[in-house]
Amino acid sequence: LYAAGVILTLPVLLLFIAFSRNFV
């Protein structure tokens, strides 16, 4: 269940990192 949470969170984290400059 925790591993599933990591799998679901990882794409969102990568997306945020990719657009973090414009997001700020």
PDB file of all heavy atoms in Angstrom:
ATOM      1  N   LEU A   1       0.837  -1.203   0.000  1.00  0.00           N
ATOM      2  CA  LEU A   1       0.000   0.000   0.000  1.00  0.00           C
ATOM      3  C   LEU A   1       0.870   1.251   0.000  1.00  0.00           C
ATOM      4  O   LEU A   1       0.595   2.218  -0.721  1.00  0.00           O
ATOM      5  CB  LEU A   1      -0.924  -0.006   1.218  1.00  0.00           C
ATOM      6  CG  LEU A   1      -2.036   1.039   1.243  1.00  0.00           C
ATOM      7  CD1 LEU A   1      -2.971   0.848   0.052  1.00  0.00           C
ATOM      8  CD2 LEU A   1      -2.833   0.944   2.533  1.00  0.00           C
ATOM      9  N   TYR A   2       1.940   1.242   0.773  1.00  0.00           N
ATOM     10  CA  TYR A   2       2.875   2.374   0.763  1.00  0.00           C
ATOM     11  C   TYR A   2       3.602   2.455  -0.586  1.00  0.00           C
ATOM     12  O   TYR A   2       3.838   3.550  -1.106  1.00  0.00           O
ATOM     13  CB  TYR A   2       3.883   2.230   1.900  1.00  0.00           C
ATOM     14  CG  TYR A   2       3.316   2.514   3.263  1.00  0.00           C
ATOM     15  CD1 TYR A   2       3.262   1.531   4.239  1.00  0.00           C
ATOM     16  CD2 TYR A   2       2.841   3.789   3.578  1.00  0.00           C
ATOM     17  CE1 TYR A   2       2.743   1.796   5.494  1.00  0.00           C
ATOM     18  CE2 TYR A   2       2.319   4.059   4.835  1.00  0.00           C
ATOM     19  CZ  TYR A   2       2.269   3.063   5.782  1.00  0.00           C
ATOM     20  OH  TYR A   2       1.751   3.334   7.027  1.00  0.00           O
ATOM     21  N   ALA A   3       3.984   1.317  -1.138  1.00  0.00           N
ATOM     22  CA  ALA A   3       4.655   1.310  -2.439  1.00  0.00           C
ATOM     23  C   ALA A   3       3.740   1.871  -3.519  1.00  0.00           C
ATOM     24  O   ALA A   3       4.188   2.615  -4.409  1.00  0.00           O
ATOM     25  CB  ALA A   3       5.089  -0.109  -2.789  1.00  0.00           C
ATOM     26  N   ALA A   4       2.462   1.548  -3.444  1.00  0.00           N
ATOM     27  CA  ALA A   4       1.501   2.091  -4.411  1.00  0.00           C
ATOM     28  C   ALA A   4       1.410   3.606  -4.280  1.00  0.00           C
ATOM     29  O   ALA A   4       1.289   4.321  -5.287  1.00  0.00           O
ATOM     30  CB  ALA A   4       0.124   1.461  -4.186  1.00  0.00           C
ATOM     31  N   GLY A   5       1.465   4.100  -3.046  1.00  0.00           N
ATOM     32  CA  GLY A   5       1.445   5.549  -2.839  1.00  0.00           C
ATOM     33  C   GLY A   5       2.641   6.234  -3.463  1.00  0.00           C
ATOM     34  O   GLY A   5       2.531   7.323  -4.029  1.00  0.00           O
ATOM     35  N   VAL A   6       3.817   5.591  -3.377  1.00  0.00           N
ATOM     36  CA  VAL A   6       5.020   6.158  -3.988  1.00  0.00           C
ATOM     37  C   VAL A   6       4.883   6.184  -5.507  1.00  0.00           C
ATOM     38  O   VAL A   6       5.241   7.162  -6.168  1.00  0.00           O
ATOM     39  CB  VAL A   6       6.265   5.345  -3.570  1.00  0.00           C
ATOM     40  CG1 VAL A   6       7.493   5.818  -4.347  1.00  0.00           C
ATOM     41  CG2 VAL A   6       6.504   5.482  -2.074  1.00  0.00           C
ATOM     42  N   ILE A   7       4.355   5.100  -6.079  1.00  0.00           N
ATOM     43  CA  ILE A   7       4.186   5.028  -7.535  1.00  0.00           C
ATOM     44  C   ILE A   7       3.253   6.126  -8.027  1.00  0.00           C
ATOM     45  O   ILE A   7       3.493   6.746  -9.067  1.00  0.00           O
ATOM     46  CB  ILE A   7       3.643   3.645  -7.936  1.00  0.00           C
ATOM     47  CG1 ILE A   7       4.692   2.566  -7.644  1.00  0.00           C
ATOM     48  CG2 ILE A   7       3.256   3.614  -9.403  1.00  0.00           C
ATOM     49  CD1 ILE A   7       4.198   1.160  -7.858  1.00  0.00           C
ATOM     50  N   LEU A   8       2.200   6.400  -7.279  1.00  0.00           N
ATOM     51  CA  LEU A   8       1.247   7.431  -7.687  1.00  0.00           C
ATOM     52  C   LEU A   8       1.805   8.838  -7.496  1.00  0.00           C
ATOM     53  O   LEU A   8       1.453   9.759  -8.231  1.00  0.00           O
ATOM     54  CB  LEU A   8      -0.041   7.289  -6.882  1.00  0.00           C
ATOM     55  CG  LEU A   8      -0.958   6.137  -7.272  1.00  0.00           C
ATOM     56  CD1 LEU A   8      -2.114   6.022  -6.294  1.00  0.00           C
ATOM     57  CD2 LEU A   8      -1.490   6.316  -8.684  1.00  0.00           C
ATOM     58  N   THR A   9       2.679   9.003  -6.515  1.00  0.00           N
ATOM     59  CA  THR A   9       3.218  10.326  -6.204  1.00  0.00           C
ATOM     60  C   THR A   9       4.359  10.721  -7.132  1.00  0.00           C
ATOM     61  O   THR A   9       4.523  11.901  -7.459  1.00  0.00           O
ATOM     62  CB  THR A   9       3.704  10.376  -4.748  1.00  0.00           C
ATOM     63  OG1 THR A   9       2.641   9.984  -3.884  1.00  0.00           O
ATOM     64  CG2 THR A   9       4.162  11.774  -4.363  1.00  0.00           C
ATOM     65  N   LEU A  10       5.149   9.755  -7.572  1.00  0.00           N
ATOM     66  CA  LEU A  10       6.361  10.039  -8.334  1.00  0.00           C
ATOM     67  C   LEU A  10       6.110  10.838  -9.611  1.00  0.00           C
ATOM     68  O   LEU A  10       6.816  11.826  -9.863  1.00  0.00           O
ATOM     69  CB  LEU A  10       7.085   8.727  -8.661  1.00  0.00           C
ATOM     70  CG  LEU A  10       8.445   8.868  -9.350  1.00  0.00           C
ATOM     71  CD1 LEU A  10       9.405   9.675  -8.467  1.00  0.00           C
ATOM     72  CD2 LEU A  10       9.037   7.492  -9.650  1.00  0.00           C
ATOM     73  N   PRO A  11       5.136  10.489 -10.467  1.00  0.00           N
ATOM     74  CA  PRO A  11       4.916  11.294 -11.676  1.00  0.00           C
ATOM     75  C   PRO A  11       4.560  12.740 -11.388  1.00  0.00           C
ATOM     76  O   PRO A  11       4.996  13.650 -12.098  1.00  0.00           O
ATOM     77  CB  PRO A  11       3.754  10.564 -12.381  1.00  0.00           C
ATOM     78  CG  PRO A  11       3.813   9.173 -11.868  1.00  0.00           C
ATOM     79  CD  PRO A  11       4.264   9.297 -10.447  1.00  0.00           C
ATOM     80  N   VAL A  12       3.773  12.969 -10.338  1.00  0.00           N
ATOM     81  CA  VAL A  12       3.406  14.332  -9.969  1.00  0.00           C
ATOM     82  C   VAL A  12       4.634  15.114  -9.519  1.00  0.00           C
ATOM     83  O   VAL A  12       4.816  16.290  -9.870  1.00  0.00           O
ATOM     84  CB  VAL A  12       2.334  14.317  -8.856  1.00  0.00           C
ATOM     85  CG1 VAL A  12       2.014  15.737  -8.409  1.00  0.00           C
ATOM     86  CG2 VAL A  12       1.077  13.618  -9.343  1.00  0.00           C
ATOM     87  N   LEU A  13       5.497  14.459  -8.756  1.00  0.00           N
ATOM     88  CA  LEU A  13       6.728  15.104  -8.292  1.00  0.00           C
ATOM     89  C   LEU A  13       7.635  15.467  -9.463  1.00  0.00           C
ATOM     90  O   LEU A  13       8.182  16.573  -9.525  1.00  0.00           O
ATOM     91  CB  LEU A  13       7.459  14.177  -7.325  1.00  0.00           C
ATOM     92  CG  LEU A  13       8.809  14.674  -6.785  1.00  0.00           C
ATOM     93  CD1 LEU A  13       8.617  15.959  -5.992  1.00  0.00           C
ATOM     94  CD2 LEU A  13       9.457  13.595  -5.931  1.00  0.00           C
ATOM     95  N   LEU A  14       7.800  14.556 -10.415  1.00  0.00           N
ATOM     96  CA  LEU A  14       8.636  14.820 -11.577  1.00  0.00           C
ATOM     97  C   LEU A  14       8.063  15.958 -12.420  1.00  0.00           C
ATOM     98  O   LEU A  14       8.809  16.799 -12.946  1.00  0.00           O
ATOM     99  CB  LEU A  14       8.764  13.555 -12.427  1.00  0.00           C
ATOM    100  CG  LEU A  14       9.500  12.377 -11.778  1.00  0.00           C
ATOM    101  CD1 LEU A  14       9.478  11.159 -12.693  1.00  0.00           C
ATOM    102  CD2 LEU A  14      10.931  12.760 -11.433  1.00  0.00           C
ATOM    103  N   LEU A  15       6.735  16.000 -12.535  1.00  0.00           N
ATOM    104  CA  LEU A  15       6.087  17.070 -13.294  1.00  0.00           C
ATOM    105  C   LEU A  15       6.316  18.416 -12.632  1.00  0.00           C
ATOM    106  O   LEU A  15       6.593  19.425 -13.303  1.00  0.00           O
ATOM    107  CB  LEU A  15       4.589  16.785 -13.416  1.00  0.00           C
ATOM    108  CG  LEU A  15       3.789  17.659 -14.393  1.00  0.00           C
ATOM    109  CD1 LEU A  15       4.254  17.403 -15.822  1.00  0.00           C
ATOM    110  CD2 LEU A  15       2.299  17.350 -14.273  1.00  0.00           C
ATOM    111  N   PHE A  16       6.226  18.451 -11.316  1.00  0.00           N
ATOM    112  CA  PHE A  16       6.450  19.702 -10.597  1.00  0.00           C
ATOM    113  C   PHE A  16       7.894  20.173 -10.744  1.00  0.00           C
ATOM    114  O   PHE A  16       8.155  21.356 -10.944  1.00  0.00           O
ATOM    115  CB  PHE A  16       6.110  19.523  -9.114  1.00  0.00           C
ATOM    116  CG  PHE A  16       6.424  20.737  -8.284  1.00  0.00           C
ATOM    117  CD1 PHE A  16       5.574  21.826  -8.279  1.00  0.00           C
ATOM    118  CD2 PHE A  16       7.582  20.793  -7.524  1.00  0.00           C
ATOM    119  CE1 PHE A  16       5.859  22.961  -7.521  1.00  0.00           C
ATOM    120  CE2 PHE A  16       7.882  21.911  -6.766  1.00  0.00           C
ATOM    121  CZ  PHE A  16       7.022  22.993  -6.762  1.00  0.00           C
ATOM    122  N   ILE A  17       8.846  19.243 -10.641  1.00  0.00           N
ATOM    123  CA  ILE A  17      10.253  19.614 -10.779  1.00  0.00           C
ATOM    124  C   ILE A  17      10.525  20.177 -12.170  1.00  0.00           C
ATOM    125  O   ILE A  17      11.264  21.159 -12.331  1.00  0.00           O
ATOM    126  CB  ILE A  17      11.155  18.397 -10.501  1.00  0.00           C
ATOM    127  CG1 ILE A  17      11.046  17.981  -9.027  1.00  0.00           C
ATOM    128  CG2 ILE A  17      12.608  18.691 -10.860  1.00  0.00           C
ATOM    129  CD1 ILE A  17      11.800  16.716  -8.691  1.00  0.00           C
ATOM    130  N   ALA A  18       9.907  19.585 -13.191  1.00  0.00           N
ATOM    131  CA  ALA A  18      10.135  20.021 -14.562  1.00  0.00           C
ATOM    132  C   ALA A  18       9.632  21.442 -14.798  1.00  0.00           C
ATOM    133  O   ALA A  18      10.210  22.197 -15.590  1.00  0.00           O
ATOM    134  CB  ALA A  18       9.470  19.052 -15.539  1.00  0.00           C
ATOM    135  N   PHE A  19       8.549  21.833 -14.112  1.00  0.00           N
ATOM    136  CA  PHE A  19       7.954  23.152 -14.346  1.00  0.00           C
ATOM    137  C   PHE A  19       8.077  24.067 -13.136  1.00  0.00           C
ATOM    138  O   PHE A  19       7.344  25.056 -13.035  1.00  0.00           O
ATOM    139  CB  PHE A  19       6.471  22.999 -14.706  1.00  0.00           C
ATOM    140  CG  PHE A  19       6.219  22.313 -16.019  1.00  0.00           C
ATOM    141  CD1 PHE A  19       5.951  20.954 -16.066  1.00  0.00           C
ATOM    142  CD2 PHE A  19       6.261  23.025 -17.205  1.00  0.00           C
ATOM    143  CE1 PHE A  19       5.720  20.317 -17.271  1.00  0.00           C
ATOM    144  CE2 PHE A  19       6.030  22.400 -18.408  1.00  0.00           C
ATOM    145  CZ  PHE A  19       5.763  21.041 -18.446  1.00  0.00           C
ATOM    146  N   SER A  20       8.973  23.758 -12.219  1.00  0.00           N
ATOM    147  CA  SER A  20       9.038  24.503 -10.965  1.00  0.00           C
ATOM    148  C   SER A  20       9.372  25.978 -11.175  1.00  0.00           C
ATOM    149  O   SER A  20       8.843  26.849 -10.479  1.00  0.00           O
ATOM    150  CB  SER A  20      10.073  23.862 -10.035  1.00  0.00           C
ATOM    151  OG  SER A  20      11.354  23.849 -10.642  1.00  0.00           O
ATOM    152  N   ARG A  21      10.243  26.297 -12.136  1.00  0.00           N
ATOM    153  CA  ARG A  21      10.641  27.690 -12.345  1.00  0.00           C
ATOM    154  C   ARG A  21       9.452  28.539 -12.774  1.00  0.00           C
ATOM    155  O   ARG A  21       9.195  29.609 -12.203  1.00  0.00           O
ATOM    156  CB  ARG A  21      11.751  27.771 -13.398  1.00  0.00           C
ATOM    157  CG  ARG A  21      12.228  29.191 -13.666  1.00  0.00           C
ATOM    158  CD  ARG A  21      13.387  29.212 -14.648  1.00  0.00           C
ATOM    159  NE  ARG A  21      14.531  28.442 -14.136  1.00  0.00           N
ATOM    160  CZ  ARG A  21      15.657  28.275 -14.817  1.00  0.00           C
ATOM    161  NH1 ARG A  21      15.780  28.790 -16.034  1.00  0.00           N
ATOM    162  NH2 ARG A  21      16.656  27.587 -14.284  1.00  0.00           N
ATOM    163  N   ASN A  22       8.706  28.087 -13.783  1.00  0.00           N
ATOM    164  CA  ASN A  22       7.531  28.836 -14.226  1.00  0.00           C
ATOM    165  C   ASN A  22       6.438  28.835 -13.168  1.00  0.00           C
ATOM    166  O   ASN A  22       5.646  29.781 -13.082  1.00  0.00           O
ATOM    167  CB  ASN A  22       6.985  28.245 -15.528  1.00  0.00           C
ATOM    168  CG  ASN A  22       7.839  28.612 -16.731  1.00  0.00           C
ATOM    169  OD1 ASN A  22       8.518  29.636 -16.732  1.00  0.00           O
ATOM    170  ND2 ASN A  22       7.822  27.775 -17.738  1.00  0.00           N
ATOM    171  N   PHE A  23       6.387  27.765 -12.361  1.00  0.00           N
ATOM    172  CA  PHE A  23       5.381  27.695 -11.307  1.00  0.00           C
ATOM    173  C   PHE A  23       5.603  28.800 -10.280  1.00  0.00           C
ATOM    174  O   PHE A  23       4.659  29.479  -9.866  1.00  0.00           O
ATOM    175  CB  PHE A  23       5.427  26.324 -10.634  1.00  0.00           C
ATOM    176  CG  PHE A  23       4.460  26.170  -9.505  1.00  0.00           C
ATOM    177  CD1 PHE A  23       3.122  25.913  -9.750  1.00  0.00           C
ATOM    178  CD2 PHE A  23       4.865  26.290  -8.183  1.00  0.00           C
ATOM    179  CE1 PHE A  23       2.221  25.780  -8.714  1.00  0.00           C
ATOM    180  CE2 PHE A  23       3.980  26.160  -7.140  1.00  0.00           C
ATOM    181  CZ  PHE A  23       2.649  25.903  -7.412  1.00  0.00           C
ATOM    182  N   VAL A  24       6.839  28.990  -9.873  1.00  0.00           N
ATOM    183  CA  VAL A  24       7.159  30.047  -8.900  1.00  0.00           C
ATOM    184  C   VAL A  24       6.831  31.416  -9.476  1.00  0.00           C
ATOM    185  O   VAL A  24       6.263  32.283  -8.798  1.00  0.00           O
ATOM    186  CB  VAL A  24       8.640  29.963  -8.490  1.00  0.00           C
ATOM    187  CG1 VAL A  24       9.020  31.157  -7.619  1.00  0.00           C
ATOM    188  CG2 VAL A  24       8.912  28.662  -7.749  1.00  0.00           C
TER     189      VAL A  24
END
